[in-house]
Amino acid sequence: MKSDVFKQQLEALSAEYRATLPGKLARVDALWQGLSSGEADAGASADLLRELHTLAGSAKTFGLAAVSSTARTAEVFFEPFCAAGAIGPVADRETFSSLLDALRQSVAG
């Protein structure tokens, strides 16, 4: 009986988390758009990195391995640019945009 209740609670939390994913992706997209257009402040890089890191960890917690892995790949790719305080050349921007596309696809899954 207790395991059924726990399972139901876990499923409810997982469904709630999945419902928040579009908002999380919108935040990532808004940060990236601001950075890539030059309109964002210096803190936006750190915010974007933190969003990707949080998404990678939380998605794994809720059993979304593909989302977690894709967010982690984007995080690792973006980390050096965040540390350097510069986004990088056009090719790197395109690569990062492709990683974000893959993240969106993994969420749509």
N, C-alpha and C. Protein backbone atom coordinates (compact mmCIF):
# COMPACT_ATOMS: atom_id res chain seq x y z
N MET A 1 0.82 -1.19 0.00
CA MET A 1 0.00 0.00 0.00
C MET A 1 0.86 1.26 0.00
N LYS A 2 1.85 1.32 0.91
CA LYS A 2 2.72 2.49 0.97
C LYS A 2 3.51 2.66 -0.31
N SER A 3 3.93 1.57 -0.92
CA SER A 3 4.69 1.67 -2.16
C SER A 3 3.81 2.20 -3.29
N ASP A 4 2.53 1.87 -3.28
CA ASP A 4 1.61 2.40 -4.30
C ASP A 4 1.45 3.91 -4.14
N VAL A 5 1.33 4.36 -2.92
CA VAL A 5 1.19 5.79 -2.64
C VAL A 5 2.47 6.52 -3.05
N PHE A 6 3.59 5.95 -2.69
CA PHE A 6 4.88 6.55 -3.07
C PHE A 6 5.01 6.63 -4.58
N LYS A 7 4.65 5.55 -5.25
CA LYS A 7 4.74 5.52 -6.71
C LYS A 7 3.84 6.58 -7.33
N GLN A 8 2.66 6.74 -6.81
CA GLN A 8 1.73 7.75 -7.32
C GLN A 8 2.28 9.16 -7.09
N GLN A 9 2.86 9.38 -5.92
CA GLN A 9 3.44 10.68 -5.62
C GLN A 9 4.61 10.98 -6.56
N LEU A 10 5.43 9.98 -6.78
CA LEU A 10 6.57 10.14 -7.68
C LEU A 10 6.11 10.42 -9.11
N GLU A 11 5.10 9.73 -9.55
CA GLU A 11 4.55 9.96 -10.89
C GLU A 11 3.96 11.37 -11.00
N ALA A 12 3.31 11.84 -9.94
CA ALA A 12 2.75 13.19 -9.94
C ALA A 12 3.86 14.23 -10.01
N LEU A 13 4.92 14.03 -9.25
CA LEU A 13 6.07 14.94 -9.29
C LEU A 13 6.72 14.94 -10.66
N SER A 14 6.83 13.78 -11.25
CA SER A 14 7.43 13.66 -12.57
C SER A 14 6.57 14.38 -13.62
N ALA A 15 5.28 14.23 -13.54
CA ALA A 15 4.38 14.91 -14.47
C ALA A 15 4.46 16.42 -14.29
N GLU A 16 4.54 16.85 -13.04
CA GLU A 16 4.67 18.27 -12.75
C GLU A 16 5.99 18.82 -13.32
N TYR A 17 7.06 18.06 -13.14
CA TYR A 17 8.35 18.49 -13.67
C TYR A 17 8.29 18.60 -15.20
N ARG A 18 7.72 17.60 -15.84
CA ARG A 18 7.61 17.61 -17.31
C ARG A 18 6.83 18.84 -17.79
N ALA A 19 5.83 19.22 -17.01
CA ALA A 19 5.03 20.39 -17.38
C ALA A 19 5.82 21.69 -17.28
N THR A 20 6.89 21.69 -16.47
CA THR A 20 7.71 22.90 -16.33
C THR A 20 8.79 23.00 -17.42
N LEU A 21 9.02 21.93 -18.15
CA LEU A 21 10.11 21.93 -19.12
C LEU A 21 9.98 23.00 -20.21
N PRO A 22 8.80 23.24 -20.77
CA PRO A 22 8.71 24.30 -21.78
C PRO A 22 9.15 25.67 -21.24
N GLY A 23 8.80 25.97 -20.00
CA GLY A 23 9.23 27.23 -19.39
C GLY A 23 10.73 27.29 -19.19
N LYS A 24 11.30 26.16 -18.79
CA LYS A 24 12.75 26.11 -18.60
C LYS A 24 13.47 26.31 -19.93
N LEU A 25 12.97 25.69 -20.98
CA LEU A 25 13.56 25.86 -22.30
C LEU A 25 13.38 27.29 -22.81
N ALA A 26 12.25 27.88 -22.52
CA ALA A 26 12.02 29.27 -22.93
C ALA A 26 13.03 30.19 -22.26
N ARG A 27 13.33 29.91 -21.01
CA ARG A 27 14.34 30.71 -20.28
C ARG A 27 15.72 30.54 -20.92
N VAL A 28 16.09 29.31 -21.23
CA VAL A 28 17.37 29.04 -21.90
C VAL A 28 17.41 29.78 -23.24
N ASP A 29 16.34 29.66 -24.01
CA ASP A 29 16.29 30.31 -25.32
C ASP A 29 16.39 31.83 -25.21
N ALA A 30 15.69 32.41 -24.24
CA ALA A 30 15.72 33.86 -24.05
C ALA A 30 17.13 34.32 -23.67
N LEU A 31 17.76 33.58 -22.79
CA LEU A 31 19.13 33.94 -22.40
C LEU A 31 20.07 33.86 -23.59
N TRP A 32 19.96 32.77 -24.36
CA TRP A 32 20.84 32.61 -25.52
C TRP A 32 20.55 33.68 -26.56
N GLN A 33 19.30 34.00 -26.79
CA GLN A 33 18.97 35.03 -27.77
C GLN A 33 19.57 36.37 -27.36
N GLY A 34 19.45 36.70 -26.09
CA GLY A 34 20.03 37.94 -25.59
C GLY A 34 21.54 37.97 -25.73
N LEU A 35 22.19 36.86 -25.41
CA LEU A 35 23.64 36.79 -25.53
C LEU A 35 24.10 36.84 -26.98
N SER A 36 23.45 36.08 -27.83
CA SER A 36 23.89 36.01 -29.23
C SER A 36 23.61 37.30 -29.99
N SER A 37 22.64 38.08 -29.52
CA SER A 37 22.35 39.36 -30.17
C SER A 37 23.15 40.51 -29.57
N GLY A 38 23.82 40.24 -28.46
CA GLY A 38 24.61 41.27 -27.80
C GLY A 38 23.78 42.16 -26.88
N GLU A 39 22.53 41.81 -26.66
CA GLU A 39 21.64 42.64 -25.85
C GLU A 39 21.65 42.27 -24.37
N ALA A 40 22.20 41.12 -24.02
CA ALA A 40 22.18 40.67 -22.62
C ALA A 40 23.35 41.24 -21.84
N ASP A 41 23.17 41.33 -20.54
CA ASP A 41 24.26 41.80 -19.68
C ASP A 41 25.24 40.68 -19.40
N ALA A 42 26.32 41.00 -18.74
CA ALA A 42 27.39 40.03 -18.49
C ALA A 42 26.93 38.84 -17.65
N GLY A 43 25.96 39.03 -16.80
CA GLY A 43 25.49 37.94 -15.94
C GLY A 43 24.67 36.90 -16.68
N ALA A 44 24.24 37.21 -17.89
CA ALA A 44 23.40 36.27 -18.64
C ALA A 44 24.15 34.98 -18.98
N SER A 45 25.45 35.06 -19.21
CA SER A 45 26.23 33.85 -19.50
C SER A 45 26.21 32.90 -18.31
N ALA A 46 26.42 33.45 -17.14
CA ALA A 46 26.38 32.62 -15.93
C ALA A 46 24.98 32.08 -15.70
N ASP A 47 23.98 32.89 -15.98
CA ASP A 47 22.59 32.43 -15.82
C ASP A 47 22.29 31.28 -16.78
N LEU A 48 22.74 31.40 -18.01
CA LEU A 48 22.52 30.35 -19.00
C LEU A 48 23.23 29.06 -18.59
N LEU A 49 24.45 29.18 -18.15
CA LEU A 49 25.20 28.01 -17.71
C LEU A 49 24.49 27.33 -16.53
N ARG A 50 24.01 28.13 -15.59
CA ARG A 50 23.31 27.60 -14.42
C ARG A 50 22.00 26.90 -14.83
N GLU A 51 21.28 27.50 -15.77
CA GLU A 51 20.03 26.88 -16.25
C GLU A 51 20.31 25.52 -16.88
N LEU A 52 21.35 25.44 -17.70
CA LEU A 52 21.70 24.17 -18.34
C LEU A 52 22.13 23.14 -17.30
N HIS A 53 22.92 23.57 -16.34
CA HIS A 53 23.39 22.67 -15.27
C HIS A 53 22.21 22.13 -14.47
N THR A 54 21.31 23.01 -14.10
CA THR A 54 20.14 22.61 -13.32
C THR A 54 19.25 21.66 -14.12
N LEU A 55 19.07 21.98 -15.38
CA LEU A 55 18.25 21.12 -16.24
C LEU A 55 18.88 19.74 -16.39
N ALA A 56 20.18 19.68 -16.55
CA ALA A 56 20.88 18.39 -16.68
C ALA A 56 20.67 17.54 -15.43
N GLY A 57 20.78 18.14 -14.28
CA GLY A 57 20.63 17.38 -13.03
C GLY A 57 19.20 17.01 -12.73
N SER A 58 18.30 17.95 -12.89
CA SER A 58 16.91 17.67 -12.54
C SER A 58 16.27 16.70 -13.52
N ALA A 59 16.59 16.79 -14.79
CA ALA A 59 16.02 15.86 -15.76
C ALA A 59 16.44 14.43 -15.45
N LYS A 60 17.68 14.26 -15.05
CA LYS A 60 18.15 12.92 -14.70
C LYS A 60 17.39 12.39 -13.48
N THR A 61 17.15 13.26 -12.52
CA THR A 61 16.42 12.88 -11.32
C THR A 61 15.03 12.33 -11.66
N PHE A 62 14.42 12.92 -12.68
CA PHE A 62 13.06 12.52 -13.06
C PHE A 62 13.04 11.51 -14.21
N GLY A 63 14.16 10.87 -14.46
CA GLY A 63 14.20 9.78 -15.43
C GLY A 63 14.25 10.19 -16.88
N LEU A 64 14.59 11.43 -17.15
CA LEU A 64 14.67 11.91 -18.53
C LEU A 64 16.13 11.95 -18.97
N ALA A 65 16.67 10.77 -19.21
CA ALA A 65 18.10 10.63 -19.49
C ALA A 65 18.53 11.40 -20.74
N ALA A 66 17.72 11.38 -21.78
CA ALA A 66 18.10 12.07 -23.02
C ALA A 66 18.14 13.58 -22.81
N VAL A 67 17.17 14.11 -22.08
CA VAL A 67 17.16 15.55 -21.78
C VAL A 67 18.38 15.91 -20.94
N SER A 68 18.64 15.11 -19.92
CA SER A 68 19.78 15.34 -19.05
C SER A 68 21.10 15.34 -19.84
N SER A 69 21.28 14.33 -20.65
CA SER A 69 22.51 14.19 -21.41
C SER A 69 22.70 15.34 -22.39
N THR A 70 21.64 15.73 -23.05
CA THR A 70 21.72 16.81 -24.03
C THR A 70 21.99 18.15 -23.34
N ALA A 71 21.33 18.38 -22.22
CA ALA A 71 21.58 19.61 -21.46
C ALA A 71 23.02 19.64 -20.95
N ARG A 72 23.52 18.50 -20.51
CA ARG A 72 24.91 18.43 -20.02
C ARG A 72 25.89 18.69 -21.15
N THR A 73 25.62 18.16 -22.34
CA THR A 73 26.50 18.41 -23.49
C THR A 73 26.54 19.91 -23.81
N ALA A 74 25.37 20.55 -23.80
CA ALA A 74 25.32 22.00 -24.05
C ALA A 74 26.05 22.77 -22.96
N GLU A 75 25.88 22.34 -21.72
CA GLU A 75 26.56 22.99 -20.60
C GLU A 75 28.08 22.91 -20.76
N VAL A 76 28.57 21.73 -21.03
CA VAL A 76 30.03 21.53 -21.16
C VAL A 76 30.57 22.34 -22.35
N PHE A 77 29.82 22.39 -23.43
CA PHE A 77 30.26 23.16 -24.59
C PHE A 77 30.30 24.66 -24.27
N PHE A 78 29.31 25.14 -23.53
CA PHE A 78 29.19 26.58 -23.26
C PHE A 78 30.12 27.06 -22.14
N GLU A 79 30.50 26.17 -21.27
CA GLU A 79 31.28 26.54 -20.08
C GLU A 79 32.54 27.36 -20.39
N PRO A 80 33.37 26.98 -21.36
CA PRO A 80 34.57 27.78 -21.62
C PRO A 80 34.25 29.20 -22.10
N PHE A 81 33.16 29.36 -22.82
CA PHE A 81 32.78 30.69 -23.29
C PHE A 81 32.31 31.55 -22.13
N CYS A 82 31.62 30.92 -21.21
CA CYS A 82 31.17 31.63 -20.01
C CYS A 82 32.39 32.08 -19.20
N ALA A 83 33.34 31.19 -19.03
CA ALA A 83 34.54 31.52 -18.26
C ALA A 83 35.36 32.62 -18.92
N ALA A 84 35.39 32.62 -20.25
CA ALA A 84 36.16 33.62 -20.99
C ALA A 84 35.43 34.95 -21.10
N GLY A 85 34.13 34.94 -20.86
CA GLY A 85 33.35 36.16 -20.96
C GLY A 85 33.03 36.56 -22.39
N ALA A 86 33.17 35.61 -23.32
CA ALA A 86 32.87 35.89 -24.73
C ALA A 86 32.18 34.67 -25.33
N ILE A 87 31.29 34.91 -26.25
CA ILE A 87 30.50 33.81 -26.81
C ILE A 87 31.30 32.96 -27.78
N GLY A 88 32.17 33.54 -28.54
CA GLY A 88 32.95 32.76 -29.49
C GLY A 88 32.60 33.09 -30.93
N PRO A 89 33.32 32.49 -31.85
CA PRO A 89 33.09 32.77 -33.27
C PRO A 89 31.76 32.20 -33.77
N VAL A 90 31.40 32.58 -34.97
CA VAL A 90 30.13 32.18 -35.57
C VAL A 90 29.97 30.66 -35.56
N ALA A 91 31.00 29.92 -35.89
CA ALA A 91 30.90 28.45 -35.93
C ALA A 91 30.52 27.90 -34.56
N ASP A 92 31.08 28.45 -33.50
CA ASP A 92 30.74 28.00 -32.15
C ASP A 92 29.31 28.38 -31.79
N ARG A 93 28.88 29.54 -32.23
CA ARG A 93 27.49 29.96 -31.98
C ARG A 93 26.52 29.01 -32.68
N GLU A 94 26.86 28.63 -33.89
CA GLU A 94 26.02 27.71 -34.65
C GLU A 94 25.99 26.33 -33.99
N THR A 95 27.14 25.88 -33.52
CA THR A 95 27.20 24.60 -32.82
C THR A 95 26.34 24.63 -31.57
N PHE A 96 26.46 25.71 -30.81
CA PHE A 96 25.67 25.82 -29.59
C PHE A 96 24.18 25.89 -29.91
N SER A 97 23.82 26.62 -30.94
CA SER A 97 22.41 26.68 -31.36
C SER A 97 21.91 25.29 -31.73
N SER A 98 22.75 24.51 -32.39
CA SER A 98 22.38 23.13 -32.74
C SER A 98 22.18 22.28 -31.49
N LEU A 99 23.02 22.49 -30.49
CA LEU A 99 22.87 21.76 -29.23
C LEU A 99 21.55 22.13 -28.55
N LEU A 100 21.17 23.40 -28.62
CA LEU A 100 19.90 23.81 -28.04
C LEU A 100 18.72 23.24 -28.83
N ASP A 101 18.88 23.13 -30.15
CA ASP A 101 17.85 22.47 -30.97
C ASP A 101 17.69 21.02 -30.54
N ALA A 102 18.81 20.34 -30.31
CA ALA A 102 18.77 18.95 -29.86
C ALA A 102 18.13 18.84 -28.49
N LEU A 103 18.36 19.82 -27.64
CA LEU A 103 17.74 19.83 -26.31
C LEU A 103 16.22 19.95 -26.45
N ARG A 104 15.78 20.85 -27.30
CA ARG A 104 14.34 21.00 -27.53
C ARG A 104 13.73 19.69 -28.05
N GLN A 105 14.42 19.05 -28.96
CA GLN A 105 13.94 17.79 -29.51
C GLN A 105 13.88 16.69 -28.45
N SER A 106 14.86 16.66 -27.56
CA SER A 106 14.85 15.64 -26.52
C SER A 106 13.70 15.86 -25.54
N VAL A 107 13.34 17.11 -25.32
CA VAL A 107 12.20 17.41 -24.44
C VAL A 107 10.91 17.02 -25.13
N ALA A 108 10.82 17.30 -26.43
CA ALA A 108 9.60 16.98 -27.19
C ALA A 108 9.44 15.47 -27.32
N GLY A 109 10.58 14.79 -27.28
CA GLY A 109 10.76 13.40 -27.32
C GLY A 109 9.88 12.42 -27.82
